[in-house]
């Protein structure tokens, strides 16, 4: 009896002990399973956070100015290119947010959480991934990196190309720029080894963002015949010369009847005139030139001025023409190829405008809203106003033009037009050299929302009360490429001393007084042409100009201190070629390295 009772008690105790130990074991197993799942989810979240950092790094490498401060943004990929988009990314159960903030440093250069001095060439980028692990239990993980604008301010270089044979030689020269000093002048490829009298009238240089390469397009004349050539710089030497077109004519010598741009796929596309009403195009794929193809016919006249611009991070192309009939026309390439079928039908914007010898049109893609581009031109019966239209791309190879909107009338008829694109805002500045015997340079500001333009007349709108005569652009405008804090105009006031003025977008005001540019130790003739090329990763700009002596000069704008550089010597006023071809031509160009 006692043994039986003891056995029953033993069973009860054993059962209790089994339950206790089983519950502990089960709890331990469940904790282990949860830890394994949490570890697995942390691994996935870490990968998403790392992808956010690497995508931001890719966007920074496209242009440091792309790293605008943000409390939270997502990313998206178009083709092979990352861009910021939206407020976050939802990835199954995970949400990723990327934040971008300024960096401040102490006197020793160390990053500090508060106080210190702003470092304009650094950004704090954080990629945070959060998710719900279980009811009432949220998890998150962050990855932070400091991105620096390692190419700023002086390390980024470029290339200057120019004609140096006057009107007797086809000599083309170039110099490379290492960010602070110029190389010695060297010869570019000979466009035609059979003759030497094809002197250069126009040169444009384009830089590849995907390889160490630049392309120069040049137009030449020998007194009876004109040619358009292209050649490629591989980072060491020039070659792969191709004749794009030729025709016999002694007219329209002072115009740029070609235009080109690099596409996201790495190809360089060029559209040009062969003195017919059908524009032609060709492209370079990094190894060979293709066979020429045709765009759609401009039935009212041969193209005289051509402007071509690739939509940012895409293969799509906008081509703008001012033709011999004084008409402003456009065609759009869908980015899928180069055949005639890949180009849209011709859109006519203006018919029989004031004149065709001046480039009374311009087009710029917005860097702030890359699906939008702005066209400005002179309408047929309104020679004293600028007309603007916004192209809204649909992202799949097409798009549509918005309604034409006109500016307030200026006092005199329009002349050559220029647009400056301000980063970080849907805003551009438009100026022209009017048709007075001694021209003035009036300016306006335009903003756009969607496909609608609004024109604003700034304070001090007549930037130059007098500039050099002639059909050429004796001024240029460019926005500081990183902050957009100022738009700069360098111009001729019909003297041998170049001037500049600043436009402040925030107050919509041009400087009332001009600042004189020091040209020591050189004595210039009257300043004739000006070309400005800004850097997208800093607020610095290269300024090139020519004078009545057909000499070529450069200097650099210091976008940090808002003055012209005086040191080092390569950034100060520097003479280059001394044998240009014509005072009304741009027989020179400069391009910043993009790769």
Protein backbone atom coordinates (compact mmCIF):
# COMPACT_ATOMS: atom_id res chain seq x y z
CA UNK A 1 0.00 0.00 0.00
CA UNK A 2 2.78 2.38 0.90
CA UNK A 3 4.76 1.37 -2.17
CA UNK A 4 1.80 2.06 -4.37
CA UNK A 5 1.28 5.51 -2.82
CA UNK A 6 4.95 6.27 -3.19
CA UNK A 7 4.85 5.27 -6.82
CA UNK A 8 1.88 7.48 -7.49
CA UNK A 9 3.59 10.42 -5.81
CA UNK A 10 6.68 9.69 -7.79
CA UNK A 11 4.67 9.76 -11.01
CA UNK A 12 3.09 13.05 -10.06
CA UNK A 13 6.44 14.59 -9.24
CA UNK A 14 8.02 13.25 -12.38
CA UNK A 15 5.18 14.62 -14.47
CA UNK A 16 5.53 18.01 -12.86
CA UNK A 17 9.25 18.03 -13.46
CA UNK A 18 8.69 17.02 -17.08
CA UNK A 19 6.25 19.88 -17.59
CA UNK A 20 8.63 22.37 -16.01
CA UNK A 21 11.57 21.25 -18.07
CA UNK A 22 9.47 20.96 -21.24
CA UNK A 23 8.14 24.49 -20.94
CA UNK A 24 11.68 25.78 -20.43
CA UNK A 25 12.94 23.81 -23.38
CA UNK A 26 10.11 24.96 -25.60
CA UNK A 27 10.71 28.56 -24.52
CA UNK A 28 14.39 28.15 -25.27
CA UNK A 29 13.62 26.68 -28.68
CA UNK A 30 11.15 29.48 -29.47
CA UNK A 31 13.65 32.11 -28.37
CA UNK A 32 16.22 30.49 -30.63
CA UNK A 33 13.83 30.46 -33.56
CA UNK A 34 12.97 34.14 -32.98
CA UNK A 35 16.63 35.04 -32.76
CA UNK A 36 17.33 33.16 -35.98
CA UNK A 37 14.46 34.94 -37.73
CA UNK A 38 15.52 38.31 -36.35
CA UNK A 39 19.09 37.68 -37.46
CA UNK A 40 17.87 36.73 -40.93
CA UNK A 41 15.72 39.85 -41.16
CA UNK A 42 18.60 42.02 -39.91
CA UNK A 43 20.74 40.59 -42.71
CA UNK A 44 18.13 41.53 -45.31
CA UNK A 45 17.66 44.99 -43.78
CA UNK A 46 21.43 45.53 -43.73
CA UNK A 47 21.62 44.70 -47.42
CA UNK A 48 18.83 47.16 -48.20
CA UNK A 49 20.57 49.86 -46.13
CA UNK A 50 23.87 49.20 -47.93
CA UNK A 51 22.12 49.40 -51.29
CA UNK A 52 20.76 52.82 -50.30
CA UNK A 53 24.26 54.07 -49.49
CA UNK A 54 25.72 52.72 -52.73
CA UNK A 55 22.88 54.22 -54.77
CA UNK A 56 23.47 57.60 -53.11
CA UNK A 57 27.17 57.24 -53.88
CA UNK A 58 26.31 56.63 -57.56
CA UNK A 59 24.08 59.71 -57.58
CA UNK A 60 26.89 61.72 -55.99
CA UNK A 61 29.34 60.51 -58.64
CA UNK A 62 27.01 61.81 -61.35
CA UNK A 63 27.24 65.27 -59.76
CA UNK A 64 27.92 66.27 -56.17
CA UNK A 65 25.17 68.91 -56.42
CA UNK A 66 22.67 66.01 -56.56
CA UNK A 67 23.17 65.53 -52.81
CA UNK A 68 20.63 68.15 -51.77
CA UNK A 69 19.75 68.12 -48.06
CA UNK A 70 16.71 65.92 -47.36
CA UNK A 71 15.01 64.63 -44.22
CA UNK A 72 13.88 61.60 -46.17
CA UNK A 73 13.93 60.40 -49.76
CA UNK A 74 13.73 57.18 -51.71
CA UNK A 75 15.68 56.02 -54.74
CA UNK A 76 14.78 54.64 -58.13
CA UNK A 77 16.72 53.20 -61.04
CA UNK A 78 16.13 54.19 -64.65
CA UNK A 79 18.14 52.00 -66.95
CA UNK A 80 21.54 51.84 -65.29
CA UNK A 81 21.27 55.16 -63.44
CA UNK A 82 20.16 55.76 -59.85
CA UNK A 83 18.21 58.91 -58.91
CA UNK A 84 16.45 60.15 -55.78
CA UNK A 85 12.69 59.73 -55.96
CA UNK A 86 9.76 59.93 -53.55
CA UNK A 87 9.84 59.93 -49.76
CA UNK A 88 10.98 56.32 -49.19
CA UNK A 89 11.13 52.81 -50.66
CA UNK A 90 8.78 50.04 -49.53
CA UNK A 91 10.54 46.70 -50.05
CA UNK A 92 8.17 43.88 -49.02
CA UNK A 93 7.96 44.35 -45.21
CA UNK A 94 10.86 46.82 -45.10
CA UNK A 95 10.79 50.62 -45.51
CA UNK A 96 14.00 52.42 -46.49
CA UNK A 97 14.56 56.16 -46.04
CA UNK A 98 17.70 58.04 -47.07
CA UNK A 99 18.52 61.31 -45.33
CA UNK A 100 21.14 63.85 -46.43
CA UNK A 101 22.56 66.52 -44.15
CA UNK A 102 25.33 69.13 -44.06
CA UNK A 103 28.66 68.39 -42.42
CA UNK A 104 30.36 70.75 -39.97
CA UNK A 105 34.02 70.55 -38.91
CA UNK A 106 36.08 72.02 -36.10
CA UNK A 107 39.38 73.85 -36.52
CA UNK A 108 41.24 70.52 -36.84
CA UNK A 109 38.96 69.29 -39.61
CA UNK A 110 37.07 66.82 -37.40
CA UNK A 111 33.33 66.33 -37.92
CA UNK A 112 31.32 67.83 -35.06
CA UNK A 113 27.67 67.31 -34.10
CA UNK A 114 27.16 70.99 -33.29
CA UNK A 115 29.01 74.22 -33.89
CA UNK A 116 31.96 74.19 -36.25
CA UNK A 117 32.20 75.45 -39.82
CA UNK A 118 30.14 74.23 -42.74
CA UNK A 119 32.10 71.99 -45.13
CA UNK A 120 30.48 72.63 -48.54
CA UNK A 121 32.28 69.63 -50.04
CA UNK A 122 30.97 66.99 -47.61
CA UNK A 123 27.57 65.44 -46.93
CA UNK A 124 26.31 63.11 -44.19
CA UNK A 125 24.20 60.38 -45.87
CA UNK A 126 22.22 57.89 -43.77
CA UNK A 127 20.24 54.94 -45.09
CA UNK A 128 17.69 53.68 -42.53
CA UNK A 129 15.63 50.51 -42.93
CA UNK A 130 12.73 49.80 -40.55
CA UNK A 131 10.26 46.92 -40.29
CA UNK A 132 7.73 45.30 -37.99
CA UNK A 133 9.22 42.14 -36.47
CA UNK A 134 6.22 41.18 -34.36
CA UNK A 135 3.13 42.77 -32.91
CA UNK A 136 4.29 45.82 -30.99
CA UNK A 137 7.92 45.17 -31.82
CA UNK A 138 9.48 47.40 -34.51
CA UNK A 139 13.08 47.09 -35.61
CA UNK A 140 15.40 49.36 -37.58
CA UNK A 141 18.96 49.51 -38.77
CA UNK A 142 20.98 52.42 -40.20
CA UNK A 143 24.10 52.81 -42.30
CA UNK A 144 25.86 56.18 -42.41
CA UNK A 145 28.59 57.43 -44.72
CA UNK A 146 30.30 60.77 -45.28
CA UNK A 147 30.49 61.64 -48.96
CA UNK A 148 33.08 64.17 -50.11
CA UNK A 149 33.33 66.20 -53.26
CA UNK A 150 36.84 64.89 -53.75
CA UNK A 151 37.20 66.59 -57.14
CA UNK A 152 36.69 70.08 -55.72
CA UNK A 153 37.82 72.73 -55.94
CA UNK A 154 40.81 72.44 -58.27
CA UNK A 155 41.36 68.77 -59.05
CA UNK A 156 38.79 68.53 -61.83
CA UNK A 157 40.31 69.35 -65.19
CA UNK A 158 39.15 69.97 -68.72
CA UNK A 159 40.20 70.60 -72.30
CA UNK A 160 40.39 73.76 -74.42
CA UNK A 161 40.29 73.42 -78.23
CA UNK A 162 40.77 76.29 -80.68
CA UNK A 163 41.62 77.23 -84.22
CA UNK A 164 45.05 78.78 -84.55
CA UNK A 165 45.58 79.14 -88.26
CA UNK A 166 43.81 82.40 -88.97
CA UNK A 167 42.26 82.26 -92.44
CA UNK A 168 45.13 80.41 -94.10
CA UNK A 169 45.56 77.18 -92.15
CA UNK A 170 43.35 74.39 -90.78
CA UNK A 171 45.50 74.13 -87.64
CA UNK A 172 43.52 73.03 -84.60
CA UNK A 173 45.23 73.23 -81.21
CA UNK A 174 44.33 72.07 -77.73
CA UNK A 175 45.45 72.40 -74.13
CA UNK A 176 44.50 70.26 -71.15
CA UNK A 177 43.71 71.78 -67.77
CA UNK A 178 44.52 69.92 -64.55
CA UNK A 179 42.44 72.15 -62.30
CA UNK A 180 45.09 74.76 -61.65
CA UNK A 181 47.48 74.84 -64.61
CA UNK A 182 47.42 74.53 -68.40
CA UNK A 183 49.49 72.11 -70.45
CA UNK A 184 51.54 73.27 -73.40
CA UNK A 185 49.61 73.69 -76.64
CA UNK A 186 49.56 70.64 -78.92
CA UNK A 187 48.06 69.87 -82.32
CA UNK A 188 44.73 68.13 -82.72
CA UNK A 189 44.20 65.72 -85.62
CA UNK A 190 44.51 67.16 -89.12
CA UNK A 191 40.96 67.07 -90.48
CA UNK A 192 42.21 66.78 -94.07
CA UNK A 193 45.78 65.75 -94.84
CA UNK A 194 45.29 66.71 -98.48
CA UNK A 195 45.06 70.46 -97.83
CA UNK A 196 45.79 73.04 -95.16
CA UNK A 197 43.51 75.95 -96.05
CA UNK A 198 40.30 74.75 -94.38
CA UNK A 199 40.44 77.20 -91.51
CA UNK A 200 38.15 76.66 -88.51
CA UNK A 201 35.07 78.86 -88.12
CA UNK A 202 33.28 76.99 -85.31
CA UNK A 203 34.46 74.41 -82.73
CA UNK A 204 32.46 72.66 -80.00
CA UNK A 205 33.88 70.16 -77.50
CA UNK A 206 31.80 67.52 -75.67
CA UNK A 207 32.97 65.40 -72.70
CA UNK A 208 31.91 61.80 -72.06
CA UNK A 209 30.56 60.95 -68.58
CA UNK A 210 31.26 57.22 -69.03
CA UNK A 211 34.85 57.10 -70.35
CA UNK A 212 37.97 59.25 -70.61
CA UNK A 213 36.95 60.79 -73.92
CA UNK A 214 36.02 64.02 -75.62
CA UNK A 215 34.67 64.77 -79.08
CA UNK A 216 35.32 67.93 -81.08
CA UNK A 217 32.99 68.99 -83.90
CA UNK A 218 34.41 71.70 -86.15
CA UNK A 219 33.18 73.61 -89.19
CA UNK A 220 35.70 74.82 -91.76
CA UNK A 221 35.79 77.14 -94.79
CA UNK A 222 38.33 77.76 -97.55
CA UNK A 223 36.75 80.71 -99.35
CA UNK A 224 34.29 78.70 -101.44
CA UNK A 225 33.42 75.46 -99.65
CA UNK A 226 32.38 74.50 -96.12
CA UNK A 227 32.95 71.24 -94.20
CA UNK A 228 31.88 69.76 -90.87
CA UNK A 229 34.30 67.30 -89.24
CA UNK A 230 34.36 65.28 -86.01
CA UNK A 231 37.30 63.78 -84.14
CA UNK A 232 37.79 61.88 -80.87
CA UNK A 233 40.21 62.46 -77.98
CA UNK A 234 40.92 59.24 -76.04
CA UNK A 235 42.58 60.96 -73.10
CA UNK A 236 45.97 60.90 -74.78
CA UNK A 237 45.63 61.75 -78.46
CA UNK A 238 43.15 62.74 -81.17
CA UNK A 239 41.96 60.45 -83.93
CA UNK A 240 38.94 58.81 -85.60
CA UNK A 241 38.39 61.82 -87.85
CA UNK A 242 35.21 61.73 -89.91
CA UNK A 243 33.83 64.20 -92.45
CA UNK A 244 30.18 64.67 -91.61
CA UNK A 245 29.20 66.93 -94.51
CA UNK A 246 30.41 69.42 -97.11
CA UNK A 247 28.79 71.97 -99.41
CA UNK A 248 29.78 74.91 -101.58
CA UNK A 249 28.51 78.23 -100.26
CA UNK A 250 29.90 81.54 -99.03
CA UNK A 251 26.85 82.31 -96.87
CA UNK A 252 26.00 81.66 -93.22
CA UNK A 253 29.62 81.42 -92.17
CA UNK A 254 29.02 82.64 -88.61
CA UNK A 255 26.46 80.10 -87.42
CA UNK A 256 26.59 76.77 -85.59
CA UNK A 257 24.73 74.39 -87.89
CA UNK A 258 25.46 71.29 -85.81
CA UNK A 259 24.86 70.15 -82.27
CA UNK A 260 25.51 67.05 -80.19
CA UNK A 261 25.40 65.43 -76.79
CA UNK A 262 26.33 62.24 -74.93
CA UNK A 263 23.47 59.87 -74.09
CA UNK A 264 23.04 57.65 -71.03
CA UNK A 265 24.09 54.59 -73.07
CA UNK A 266 27.50 56.22 -73.65
CA UNK A 267 26.93 57.03 -77.31
CA UNK A 268 27.63 60.50 -78.65
CA UNK A 269 24.96 61.71 -81.11
CA UNK A 270 25.49 64.63 -83.47
CA UNK A 271 22.88 66.35 -85.66
CA UNK A 272 24.14 68.54 -88.49
CA UNK A 273 23.33 70.27 -91.76
CA UNK A 274 24.51 69.18 -95.19
CA UNK A 275 22.97 72.32 -96.71
CA UNK A 276 19.67 70.59 -97.48
CA UNK A 277 16.29 70.81 -95.75
CA UNK A 278 16.85 67.35 -94.23
CA UNK A 279 19.05 67.40 -91.11
CA UNK A 280 21.42 64.44 -90.79
CA UNK A 281 22.79 62.64 -87.77
CA UNK A 282 25.59 60.28 -86.85
CA UNK A 283 26.79 58.69 -83.63
CA UNK A 284 29.99 57.41 -82.02
CA UNK A 285 29.68 54.33 -79.79
CA UNK A 286 33.12 54.53 -78.22
CA UNK A 287 34.79 52.51 -80.96
CA UNK A 288 33.43 53.52 -84.38
CA UNK A 289 31.34 56.10 -86.16
CA UNK A 290 28.06 54.85 -87.61
CA UNK A 291 26.52 55.56 -91.02
CA UNK A 292 24.66 58.85 -91.38
CA UNK A 293 20.87 58.79 -91.12
CA UNK A 294 18.20 61.43 -91.77
CA UNK A 295 15.82 63.28 -89.52
CA UNK A 296 12.47 64.50 -90.81
CA UNK A 297 12.45 67.22 -93.47
CA UNK A 298 12.42 70.89 -92.48
CA UNK A 299 10.41 71.83 -95.53
CA UNK A 300 10.79 75.60 -95.23
CA UNK A 301 14.58 75.92 -95.26
CA UNK A 302 17.98 74.44 -94.47
CA UNK A 303 18.95 74.36 -90.77
CA UNK A 304 21.17 77.32 -89.88
CA UNK A 305 21.40 77.01 -86.09
CA UNK A 306 21.08 73.63 -84.36
CA UNK A 307 20.81 72.89 -80.64
CA UNK A 308 20.83 69.24 -79.43
CA UNK A 309 20.45 68.12 -75.80
CA UNK A 310 20.02 64.63 -74.33
CA UNK A 311 17.42 64.33 -71.59
CA UNK A 312 19.30 63.73 -68.33
CA UNK A 313 19.94 60.03 -67.55
CA UNK A 314 18.24 58.94 -70.78
CA UNK A 315 18.93 58.29 -74.46
CA UNK A 316 16.23 60.71 -75.60
CA UNK A 317 17.29 63.76 -77.63
CA UNK A 318 15.75 67.16 -78.26
CA UNK A 319 16.85 68.82 -81.51
CA UNK A 320 16.01 72.50 -82.07
CA UNK A 321 16.46 74.25 -85.41
CA UNK A 322 16.41 77.83 -86.65
CA UNK A 323 16.31 77.43 -90.40
CA UNK A 324 16.97 79.64 -93.40
CA UNK A 325 13.29 80.52 -93.51
CA UNK A 326 13.68 82.06 -90.03
CA UNK A 327 11.49 79.33 -88.54
CA UNK A 328 11.98 77.72 -85.11
CA UNK A 329 11.35 73.97 -85.28
CA UNK A 330 11.92 70.89 -83.10
CA UNK A 331 12.16 67.12 -83.46
CA UNK A 332 12.37 64.60 -80.60
CA UNK A 333 14.21 61.29 -80.59
CA UNK A 334 12.60 58.51 -78.54
CA UNK A 335 15.94 57.09 -77.38
CA UNK A 336 15.31 53.67 -78.96
CA UNK A 337 17.50 54.24 -82.03
CA UNK A 338 18.66 56.69 -84.65
CA UNK A 339 16.55 55.90 -87.73
CA UNK A 340 14.17 58.48 -89.12
CA UNK A 341 11.30 56.57 -87.50
CA UNK A 342 12.81 57.23 -84.06
CA UNK A 343 12.37 60.97 -84.55
CA UNK A 344 9.04 62.69 -83.99
CA UNK A 345 7.27 64.71 -86.63
CA UNK A 346 8.52 68.30 -86.93
CA UNK A 347 6.88 70.79 -84.55
CA UNK A 348 6.79 74.37 -85.81
CA UNK A 349 6.99 76.98 -83.05
CA UNK A 350 7.55 80.21 -84.99
CA UNK A 351 7.41 81.11 -88.68
CA UNK A 352 9.29 83.95 -90.39
CA UNK A 353 10.76 85.38 -87.21
CA UNK A 354 12.91 88.52 -87.17
CA UNK A 355 16.12 87.13 -88.71
CA UNK A 356 18.11 83.92 -89.15
CA UNK A 357 21.71 85.09 -88.81
CA UNK A 358 21.47 85.24 -85.00
CA UNK A 359 20.62 82.25 -82.83
CA UNK A 360 17.23 83.52 -81.67
CA UNK A 361 16.39 80.32 -79.83
CA UNK A 362 17.79 78.19 -77.01
CA UNK A 363 16.82 75.04 -75.14
CA UNK A 364 17.84 73.64 -71.74
CA UNK A 365 16.79 70.55 -69.81
CA UNK A 366 16.02 71.24 -66.17
CA UNK A 367 18.51 69.71 -63.74
CA UNK A 368 15.88 70.01 -61.00
CA UNK A 369 13.04 68.29 -62.90
CA UNK A 370 14.76 66.14 -65.55
CA UNK A 371 11.51 65.34 -67.40
CA UNK A 372 11.11 69.05 -68.21
CA UNK A 373 12.95 71.12 -70.79
CA UNK A 374 12.47 74.78 -71.72
CA UNK A 375 12.55 76.24 -75.23
CA UNK A 376 12.76 79.99 -75.84
CA UNK A 377 12.47 81.71 -79.22
CA UNK A 378 11.23 84.81 -81.02
CA UNK A 379 7.71 84.55 -82.40
CA UNK A 380 6.99 85.73 -85.93
CA UNK A 381 5.06 88.93 -85.23
CA UNK A 382 6.41 89.75 -81.77
CA UNK A 383 10.04 90.69 -82.27
CA UNK A 384 10.32 92.40 -78.88
CA UNK A 385 9.16 89.52 -76.68
CA UNK A 386 10.53 86.07 -75.85
CA UNK A 387 8.19 83.12 -76.18
CA UNK A 388 8.73 80.10 -73.95
CA UNK A 389 7.37 76.54 -73.95
CA UNK A 390 7.97 73.60 -71.62
CA UNK A 391 8.50 70.10 -73.00
CA UNK A 392 7.23 67.47 -70.56
CA UNK A 393 8.73 64.08 -71.32
CA UNK A 394 6.69 61.02 -70.37
CA UNK A 395 9.77 58.94 -69.53
CA UNK A 396 9.03 56.35 -72.22
CA UNK A 397 10.32 58.09 -75.31
CA UNK A 398 7.70 60.75 -75.88
CA UNK A 399 6.20 63.86 -74.39
CA UNK A 400 4.24 67.00 -75.19
CA UNK A 401 4.77 70.74 -75.44
CA UNK A 402 2.99 73.06 -73.05
CA UNK A 403 1.28 76.27 -74.07
CA UNK A 404 3.44 79.06 -75.48
CA UNK A 405 3.81 81.91 -72.97
CA UNK A 406 5.26 85.31 -73.87
CA UNK A 407 7.39 87.63 -71.78
CA UNK A 408 6.83 91.34 -71.36
CA UNK A 409 8.01 93.33 -74.34
CA UNK A 410 11.45 94.89 -74.30
CA UNK A 411 12.25 98.23 -75.94
CA UNK A 412 14.11 96.91 -78.98
CA UNK A 413 13.87 93.89 -81.25
CA UNK A 414 15.33 90.64 -79.98
CA UNK A 415 18.78 89.37 -80.88
CA UNK A 416 20.74 86.25 -79.98
CA UNK A 417 19.16 84.40 -77.00
CA UNK A 418 20.74 82.56 -74.08
CA UNK A 419 19.32 80.44 -71.24
CA UNK A 420 20.99 79.71 -67.89
CA UNK A 421 19.62 76.75 -65.94
CA UNK A 422 19.56 77.15 -62.16
CA UNK A 423 20.14 73.92 -60.17
CA UNK A 424 17.74 73.05 -57.38
CA UNK A 425 14.83 75.07 -58.78
CA UNK A 426 12.43 75.10 -61.73
CA UNK A 427 13.94 78.37 -62.86
CA UNK A 428 16.01 79.72 -65.73
CA UNK A 429 17.36 83.12 -66.70
CA UNK A 430 16.96 84.33 -70.30
CA UNK A 431 18.93 87.16 -71.90
CA UNK A 432 19.38 88.52 -75.40
CA UNK A 433 21.60 90.90 -77.31
CA UNK A 434 19.09 93.21 -78.92
CA UNK A 435 19.02 94.66 -82.43
CA UNK A 436 20.15 98.25 -81.72
CA UNK A 437 23.05 99.62 -83.75
CA UNK A 438 24.95 99.54 -80.46
CA UNK A 439 23.13 96.66 -78.77
CA UNK A 440 22.03 96.40 -75.16
CA UNK A 441 21.64 93.17 -73.15
CA UNK A 442 18.25 92.83 -71.41
CA UNK A 443 17.39 89.85 -69.19
CA UNK A 444 14.36 88.13 -67.71
CA UNK A 445 13.66 85.29 -65.32
CA UNK A 446 11.28 82.41 -65.96
CA UNK A 447 9.89 79.78 -63.64
CA UNK A 448 7.82 76.76 -64.57
CA UNK A 449 5.43 74.36 -62.89
CA UNK A 450 4.48 71.34 -64.95
CA UNK A 451 4.14 72.68 -68.48
CA UNK A 452 3.33 76.28 -67.53
CA UNK A 453 5.87 79.12 -67.68
CA UNK A 454 5.75 82.33 -65.65
CA UNK A 455 7.90 85.28 -66.75
CA UNK A 456 9.35 87.75 -64.25
CA UNK A 457 11.06 91.06 -65.04
CA UNK A 458 14.04 91.44 -62.68
CA UNK A 459 15.37 94.56 -61.03
CA UNK A 460 18.02 96.21 -63.25
CA UNK A 461 16.91 94.19 -66.32
CA UNK A 462 19.25 95.99 -68.75
CA UNK A 463 22.47 94.31 -67.69
CA UNK A 464 24.61 96.03 -70.33
CA UNK A 465 23.60 99.39 -71.73
CA UNK A 466 26.01 98.88 -74.63
CA UNK A 467 27.78 95.82 -76.01
CA UNK A 468 29.86 95.01 -79.07
CA UNK A 469 28.16 95.15 -82.44
CA UNK A 470 27.84 92.13 -84.70
CA UNK A 471 25.70 89.01 -84.82
CA UNK A 472 27.89 87.07 -82.36
CA UNK A 473 27.14 86.56 -78.69
CA UNK A 474 29.29 89.19 -77.00
CA UNK A 475 28.10 87.95 -73.60
CA UNK A 476 27.26 84.69 -71.88
CA UNK A 477 25.38 83.68 -68.74
CA UNK A 478 25.76 80.64 -66.48
CA UNK A 479 24.43 79.62 -63.10
CA UNK A 480 26.68 78.47 -60.29
CA UNK A 481 26.47 74.72 -60.70
CA UNK A 482 26.23 73.55 -57.10
CA UNK A 483 24.22 76.05 -55.07
CA UNK A 484 22.72 78.16 -57.84
CA UNK A 485 23.23 81.13 -55.52
CA UNK A 486 24.20 83.41 -58.40
CA UNK A 487 23.86 83.61 -62.15
CA UNK A 488 26.90 85.28 -63.67
CA UNK A 489 27.12 87.29 -66.88
CA UNK A 490 30.48 88.13 -68.43
CA UNK A 491 30.14 90.58 -71.29
CA UNK A 492 31.68 93.13 -73.59
CA UNK A 493 30.58 96.72 -73.07
CA UNK A 494 32.10 97.60 -76.45
CA UNK A 495 35.51 98.25 -74.88
CA UNK A 496 38.74 96.33 -74.42
CA UNK A 497 37.91 95.70 -70.75
CA UNK A 498 35.51 92.81 -70.03
CA UNK A 499 32.94 93.22 -67.26
CA UNK A 500 30.71 90.99 -65.18
CA UNK A 501 27.50 91.26 -63.17
CA UNK A 502 25.71 88.83 -60.85
CA UNK A 503 22.03 87.94 -60.71
CA UNK A 504 20.64 86.95 -57.30
CA UNK A 505 17.65 84.65 -57.82
CA UNK A 506 16.34 85.11 -54.29
CA UNK A 507 15.87 88.85 -54.79
CA UNK A 508 15.42 88.64 -58.59
CA UNK A 509 18.01 91.39 -58.95
CA UNK A 510 20.94 92.01 -61.28
CA UNK A 511 23.85 94.04 -59.92
CA UNK A 512 23.40 97.71 -60.60
CA UNK A 513 27.13 98.30 -61.11
CA UNK A 514 29.49 96.21 -63.22
CA UNK A 515 32.77 94.77 -61.97
CA UNK A 516 35.83 95.18 -64.16
CA UNK A 517 37.87 92.09 -65.00
CA UNK A 518 41.62 92.56 -64.61
CA UNK A 519 43.41 91.54 -67.82
CA UNK A 520 46.99 92.20 -66.70
CA UNK A 521 49.51 91.63 -68.23
CA UNK A 522 47.66 91.58 -71.56
CA UNK A 523 46.39 94.45 -73.67
CA UNK A 524 43.18 93.42 -75.38
CA UNK A 525 41.31 94.70 -78.38
CA UNK A 526 37.56 95.20 -78.04
CA UNK A 527 36.03 92.10 -76.50
CA UNK A 528 34.05 90.24 -79.18
CA UNK A 529 32.82 86.86 -77.93
CA UNK A 530 32.30 85.23 -74.53
CA UNK A 531 31.73 81.61 -73.58
CA UNK A 532 31.05 80.40 -69.99
CA UNK A 533 31.13 76.77 -68.85
CA UNK A 534 30.08 76.03 -65.28
CA UNK A 535 31.01 73.00 -63.19
CA UNK A 536 28.15 70.89 -61.89
CA UNK A 537 30.05 69.84 -58.76
CA UNK A 538 31.18 73.29 -57.55
CA UNK A 539 30.18 76.91 -58.07
CA UNK A 540 33.31 77.63 -60.13
CA UNK A 541 33.09 78.46 -63.84
CA UNK A 542 35.50 78.64 -66.77
CA UNK A 543 35.23 81.84 -68.80
CA UNK A 544 36.69 82.08 -72.31
CA UNK A 545 36.65 85.13 -74.55
CA UNK A 546 38.14 86.58 -77.73
CA UNK A 547 38.95 90.11 -78.81
CA UNK A 548 39.25 92.15 -81.99
CA UNK A 549 42.84 90.95 -82.36
CA UNK A 550 41.53 87.36 -82.70
CA UNK A 551 43.28 86.38 -79.47
CA UNK A 552 41.81 83.82 -77.05
CA UNK A 553 41.83 84.20 -73.25
CA UNK A 554 40.50 82.28 -70.24
CA UNK A 555 39.95 82.95 -66.55
CA UNK A 556 38.05 81.26 -63.73
CA UNK A 557 35.19 82.38 -61.53
CA UNK A 558 35.65 81.58 -57.82
CA UNK A 559 32.15 80.53 -56.80
CA UNK A 560 33.05 80.31 -53.11
CA UNK A 561 34.21 83.91 -52.74
CA UNK A 562 32.25 85.27 -55.74
CA UNK A 563 35.24 86.86 -57.41
CA UNK A 564 37.50 86.06 -60.33
CA UNK A 565 40.55 83.98 -59.44
CA UNK A 566 43.89 85.77 -59.48
CA UNK A 567 45.92 82.75 -58.27
CA UNK A 568 47.12 80.20 -59.20
CA UNK A 569 48.28 81.49 -62.57
CA UNK A 570 46.29 78.97 -64.58
CA UNK A 571 43.04 80.24 -63.09
CA UNK A 572 43.88 83.90 -63.61
CA UNK A 573 43.57 85.75 -66.91
CA UNK A 574 45.57 83.67 -69.42
CA UNK A 575 46.25 84.05 -73.14
CA UNK A 576 46.09 81.01 -75.44
CA UNK A 577 45.65 81.21 -79.22
CA UNK A 578 46.52 84.38 -81.12
CA UNK A 579 45.35 83.49 -84.64
CA UNK A 580 41.58 83.01 -84.72
CA UNK A 581 39.59 83.12 -87.93
CA UNK A 582 36.84 85.73 -87.45
CA UNK A 583 35.60 88.12 -84.77
CA UNK A 584 32.00 86.87 -85.12
CA UNK A 585 32.80 83.17 -84.69
CA UNK A 586 33.31 80.78 -81.78
CA UNK A 587 36.45 79.10 -83.11
CA UNK A 588 37.17 77.80 -79.60
CA UNK A 589 35.49 75.80 -76.83
CA UNK A 590 36.18 74.31 -73.40
CA UNK A 591 34.72 71.22 -71.73
CA UNK A 592 35.13 70.07 -68.13
CA UNK A 593 36.12 66.46 -67.53
CA UNK A 594 33.02 64.41 -66.78
CA UNK A 595 34.60 60.98 -66.24
